[in-house]
PDB file of N, CA and C in Angstrom:
ATOM      1  N   MET A   1      85.543  66.248 206.313  1.00  0.00           N
ATOM      2  CA  MET A   1      85.286  67.559 206.367  1.00  0.00           C
ATOM      3  C   MET A   1      86.249  68.144 205.138  1.00  0.00           C
ATOM      4  N   ILE A   2      85.532  69.338 204.507  1.00  0.00           N
ATOM      5  CA  ILE A   2      86.499  70.147 203.454  1.00  0.00           C
ATOM      6  C   ILE A   2      86.263  71.578 203.901  1.00  0.00           C
ATOM      7  N   HIS A   3      87.268  72.285 203.915  1.00  0.00           N
ATOM      8  CA  HIS A   3      87.182  73.713 204.238  1.00  0.00           C
ATOM      9  C   HIS A   3      87.702  74.472 203.017  1.00  0.00           C
ATOM     10  N   VAL A   4      86.872  75.430 202.515  1.00  0.00           N
ATOM     11  CA  VAL A   4      87.253  76.033 201.187  1.00  0.00           C
ATOM     12  C   VAL A   4      87.283  77.363 201.681  1.00  0.00           C
ATOM     13  N   SER A   5      88.315  78.189 201.211  1.00  0.00           N
ATOM     14  CA  SER A   5      88.582  79.563 201.691  1.00  0.00           C
ATOM     15  C   SER A   5      88.693  80.170 200.220  1.00  0.00           C
ATOM     16  N   ILE A   6      88.529  81.468 199.911  1.00  0.00           N
ATOM     17  CA  ILE A   6      88.700  82.191 198.664  1.00  0.00           C
ATOM     18  C   ILE A   6      89.664  83.441 199.181  1.00  0.00           C
ATOM     19  N   TRP A   7      90.959  83.517 198.558  1.00  0.00           N
ATOM     20  CA  TRP A   7      91.690  84.673 198.663  1.00  0.00           C
ATOM     21  C   TRP A   7      91.901  85.397 197.506  1.00  0.00           C
ATOM     22  N   ASP A   8      92.364  86.877 197.444  1.00  0.00           N
ATOM     23  CA  ASP A   8      92.588  87.835 196.635  1.00  0.00           C
ATOM     24  C   ASP A   8      93.665  87.388 196.026  1.00  0.00           C
ATOM     25  N   THR A   9      94.706  86.906 196.770  1.00  0.00           N
ATOM     26  CA  THR A   9      95.980  86.673 195.963  1.00  0.00           C
ATOM     27  C   THR A   9      96.497  85.260 196.350  1.00  0.00           C
ATOM     28  N   ASP A  10      97.664  84.541 195.725  1.00  0.00           N
ATOM     29  CA  ASP A  10      98.024  83.246 196.066  1.00  0.00           C
ATOM     30  C   ASP A  10      98.851  83.586 197.366  1.00  0.00           C
ATOM     31  N   GLU A  11      99.753  84.830 197.500  1.00  0.00           N
ATOM     32  CA  GLU A  11     100.490  84.946 198.473  1.00  0.00           C
ATOM     33  C   GLU A  11      99.781  85.018 199.822  1.00  0.00           C
ATOM     34  N   HIS A  12      98.544  85.787 199.624  1.00  0.00           N
ATOM     35  CA  HIS A  12      97.534  85.493 201.142  1.00  0.00           C
ATOM     36  C   HIS A  12      97.258  84.369 201.550  1.00  0.00           C
ATOM     37  N   ALA A  13      96.658  83.420 200.400  1.00  0.00           N
ATOM     38  CA  ALA A  13      96.437  82.009 200.598  1.00  0.00           C
ATOM     39  C   ALA A  13      97.620  81.167 201.109  1.00  0.00           C
ATOM     40  N   LYS A  14      98.560  81.532 200.893  1.00  0.00           N
ATOM     41  CA  LYS A  14      99.646  80.410 201.445  1.00  0.00           C
ATOM     42  C   LYS A  14     100.004  81.026 202.551  1.00  0.00           C
ATOM     43  N   GLN A  15      99.630  82.034 203.196  1.00  0.00           N
ATOM     44  CA  GLN A  15      99.986  82.239 204.945  1.00  0.00           C
ATOM     45  C   GLN A  15      99.557  81.207 205.713  1.00  0.00           C
ATOM     46  N   MET A  16      98.414  80.438 205.033  1.00  0.00           N
ATOM     47  CA  MET A  16      97.729  79.401 205.967  1.00  0.00           C
ATOM     48  C   MET A  16      98.897  78.553 206.017  1.00  0.00           C
ATOM     49  N   ASN A  17      99.771  78.399 205.150  1.00  0.00           N
ATOM     50  CA  ASN A  17     100.783  77.132 205.488  1.00  0.00           C
ATOM     51  C   ASN A  17     101.605  77.381 206.349  1.00  0.00           C
ATOM     52  N   GLY A  18     101.693  78.448 206.987  1.00  0.00           N
ATOM     53  CA  GLY A  18     102.712  78.551 208.112  1.00  0.00           C
ATOM     54  C   GLY A  18     101.961  79.077 209.415  1.00  0.00           C
ATOM     55  N   LEU A  19     100.600  79.075 209.282  1.00  0.00           N
ATOM     56  CA  LEU A  19      99.806  79.375 210.674  1.00  0.00           C
ATOM     57  C   LEU A  19     100.079  78.289 211.770  1.00  0.00           C
ATOM     58  N   LYS A  20     100.472  78.308 212.765  1.00  0.00           N
ATOM     59  CA  LYS A  20     100.893  77.485 213.936  1.00  0.00           C
ATOM     60  C   LYS A  20      99.107  76.800 214.215  1.00  0.00           C
ATOM     61  N   GLU A  21      98.135  77.433 214.291  1.00  0.00           N
ATOM     62  CA  GLU A  21      97.083  76.880 214.523  1.00  0.00           C
ATOM     63  C   GLU A  21      96.371  75.865 213.393  1.00  0.00           C
ATOM     64  N   MET A  22      96.840  76.169 212.239  1.00  0.00           N
ATOM     65  CA  MET A  22      96.424  75.329 211.078  1.00  0.00           C
ATOM     66  C   MET A  22      97.425  73.903 211.076  1.00  0.00           C
ATOM     67  N   ILE A  23      98.774  74.175 211.218  1.00  0.00           N
ATOM     68  CA  ILE A  23      99.720  73.031 210.667  1.00  0.00           C
ATOM     69  C   ILE A  23     100.061  72.351 212.135  1.00  0.00           C
ATOM     70  N   VAL A  24      99.954  72.964 213.034  1.00  0.00           N
ATOM     71  CA  VAL A  24     100.239  72.267 214.623  1.00  0.00           C
ATOM     72  C   VAL A  24      99.119  71.752 215.318  1.00  0.00           C
ATOM     73  N   ASP A  25      98.304  72.800 215.704  1.00  0.00           N
ATOM     74  CA  ASP A  25      97.219  72.495 216.579  1.00  0.00           C
ATOM     75  C   ASP A  25      95.997  71.868 215.894  1.00  0.00           C
ATOM     76  N   ALA A  26      95.681  72.138 214.731  1.00  0.00           N
ATOM     77  CA  ALA A  26      94.636  71.438 214.167  1.00  0.00           C
ATOM     78  C   ALA A  26      94.923  69.983 213.914  1.00  0.00           C
ATOM     79  N   LYS A  27      96.349  69.779 213.535  1.00  0.00           N
ATOM     80  CA  LYS A  27      96.808  68.337 213.085  1.00  0.00           C
ATOM     81  C   LYS A  27      96.894  67.732 214.166  1.00  0.00           C
ATOM     82  N   SER A  28      97.412  68.049 215.280  1.00  0.00           N
ATOM     83  CA  SER A  28      97.381  67.511 216.687  1.00  0.00           C
ATOM     84  C   SER A  28      96.101  67.212 217.092  1.00  0.00           C
ATOM     85  N   ASP A  29      95.250  67.921 217.098  1.00  0.00           N
ATOM     86  CA  ASP A  29      93.693  67.789 217.461  1.00  0.00           C
ATOM     87  C   ASP A  29      92.977  66.645 216.712  1.00  0.00           C
ATOM     88  N   ALA A  30      93.381  66.616 215.292  1.00  0.00           N
ATOM     89  CA  ALA A  30      92.512  65.605 214.436  1.00  0.00           C
ATOM     90  C   ALA A  30      93.092  64.661 214.562  1.00  0.00           C
ATOM     91  N   GLU A  31      94.374  64.433 214.813  1.00  0.00           N
ATOM     92  CA  GLU A  31      95.186  62.821 215.045  1.00  0.00           C
ATOM     93  C   GLU A  31      94.676  62.181 216.320  1.00  0.00           C
ATOM     94  N   LYS A  32      94.550  63.151 217.368  1.00  0.00           N
ATOM     95  CA  LYS A  32      94.241  62.542 218.633  1.00  0.00           C
ATOM     96  C   LYS A  32      92.924  61.535 218.622  1.00  0.00           C
ATOM     97  N   VAL A  33      91.834  62.137 217.657  1.00  0.00           N
ATOM     98  CA  VAL A  33      90.615  61.468 217.355  1.00  0.00           C
ATOM     99  C   VAL A  33      90.515  60.409 216.466  1.00  0.00           C
ATOM    100  N   GLY A  34      91.748  60.383 215.536  1.00  0.00           N
ATOM    101  CA  GLY A  34      91.883  59.208 214.686  1.00  0.00           C
ATOM    102  C   GLY A  34      91.738  59.729 213.177  1.00  0.00           C
ATOM    103  N   VAL A  35      91.588  61.113 213.032  1.00  0.00           N
ATOM    104  CA  VAL A  35      91.544  61.486 211.637  1.00  0.00           C
ATOM    105  C   VAL A  35      92.981  61.959 211.153  1.00  0.00           C
ATOM    106  N   LYS A  36      92.934  61.650 209.629  1.00  0.00           N
ATOM    107  CA  LYS A  36      94.128  61.659 209.063  1.00  0.00           C
ATOM    108  C   LYS A  36      93.836  63.264 208.350  1.00  0.00           C
ATOM    109  N   PHE A  37      95.188  63.897 208.919  1.00  0.00           N
ATOM    110  CA  PHE A  37      95.074  65.483 208.484  1.00  0.00           C
ATOM    111  C   PHE A  37      95.866  65.559 207.255  1.00  0.00           C
ATOM    112  N   THR A  38      95.270  65.950 206.151  1.00  0.00           N
ATOM    113  CA  THR A  38      95.734  66.248 204.781  1.00  0.00           C
ATOM    114  C   THR A  38      96.431  67.816 204.917  1.00  0.00           C
ATOM    115  N   PRO A  39      97.689  68.115 204.435  1.00  0.00           N
ATOM    116  CA  PRO A  39      98.328  69.301 204.388  1.00  0.00           C
ATOM    117  C   PRO A  39      97.093  70.473 203.492  1.00  0.00           C
ATOM    118  N   ILE A  40      97.391  71.423 203.605  1.00  0.00           N
ATOM    119  CA  ILE A  40      96.711  72.316 202.845  1.00  0.00           C
ATOM    120  C   ILE A  40      96.827  72.561 201.458  1.00  0.00           C
ATOM    121  N   VAL A  41      96.109  72.535 200.745  1.00  0.00           N
ATOM    122  CA  VAL A  41      96.234  72.566 199.154  1.00  0.00           C
ATOM    123  C   VAL A  41      95.612  73.688 198.443  1.00  0.00           C
ATOM    124  N   HIS A  42      96.681  74.395 197.634  1.00  0.00           N
ATOM    125  CA  HIS A  42      96.183  75.454 196.686  1.00  0.00           C
ATOM    126  C   HIS A  42      95.772  75.188 195.479  1.00  0.00           C
ATOM    127  N   TYR A  43      94.578  75.448 195.008  1.00  0.00           N
ATOM    128  CA  TYR A  43      94.043  75.545 193.533  1.00  0.00           C
ATOM    129  C   TYR A  43      93.884  76.856 193.032  1.00  0.00           C
ATOM    130  N   PRO A  44      94.434  76.876 191.805  1.00  0.00           N
ATOM    131  CA  PRO A  44      94.438  78.323 191.140  1.00  0.00           C
ATOM    132  C   PRO A  44      93.110  78.100 190.444  1.00  0.00           C
ATOM    133  N   THR A  45      92.502  79.296 190.460  1.00  0.00           N
ATOM    134  CA  THR A  45      91.082  79.569 189.676  1.00  0.00           C
ATOM    135  C   THR A  45      91.091  80.303 188.355  1.00  0.00           C
ATOM    136  N   ASN A  46      90.588  80.121 187.463  1.00  0.00           N
ATOM    137  CA  ASN A  46      90.485  80.652 186.517  1.00  0.00           C
ATOM    138  C   ASN A  46      89.305  81.849 185.966  1.00  0.00           C
ATOM    139  N   TRP A  47      88.700  82.034 187.411  1.00  0.00           N
ATOM    140  CA  TRP A  47      87.678  83.053 187.187  1.00  0.00           C
ATOM    141  C   TRP A  47      87.792  84.212 188.413  1.00  0.00           C
ATOM    142  N   GLU A  48      87.072  85.013 187.873  1.00  0.00           N
ATOM    143  CA  GLU A  48      87.032  86.050 189.393  1.00  0.00           C
ATOM    144  C   GLU A  48      85.753  86.531 189.839  1.00  0.00           C
ATOM    145  N   ILE A  49      85.434  87.094 190.826  1.00  0.00           N
ATOM    146  CA  ILE A  49      84.227  87.632 191.421  1.00  0.00           C
ATOM    147  C   ILE A  49      84.358  89.082 191.105  1.00  0.00           C
ATOM    148  N   LEU A  50      83.425  89.895 190.217  1.00  0.00           N
ATOM    149  CA  LEU A  50      83.198  91.069 189.953  1.00  0.00           C
ATOM    150  C   LEU A  50      82.446  91.716 191.001  1.00  0.00           C
ATOM    151  N   ALA A  51      82.762  92.784 191.559  1.00  0.00           N
ATOM    152  CA  ALA A  51      81.843  93.739 192.427  1.00  0.00           C
ATOM    153  C   ALA A  51      80.882  94.472 191.447  1.00  0.00           C
ATOM    154  N   ARG A  52      79.707  94.736 192.122  1.00  0.00           N
ATOM    155  CA  ARG A  52      78.909  95.475 191.387  1.00  0.00           C
ATOM    156  C   ARG A  52      78.601  96.873 191.964  1.00  0.00           C
TER     157      ARG A  52
END
C-alpha cells in the first residue's frame, strides 16, 4: 500500500512524523497482521500546482 499526500509546505508535511495515529497506532495495527511498517518519507518536488 502506498499513501501519497501533497502539502503546501515541508513543515506541514513533517507534522505527520509526530502524529500518534500514524507512528504508533498504524504501526501497531500493521505489525499485528504481519505488515512491515515503513517510516514516513518526504520527497521534495520541483513543480507546483497553479490555481486558475
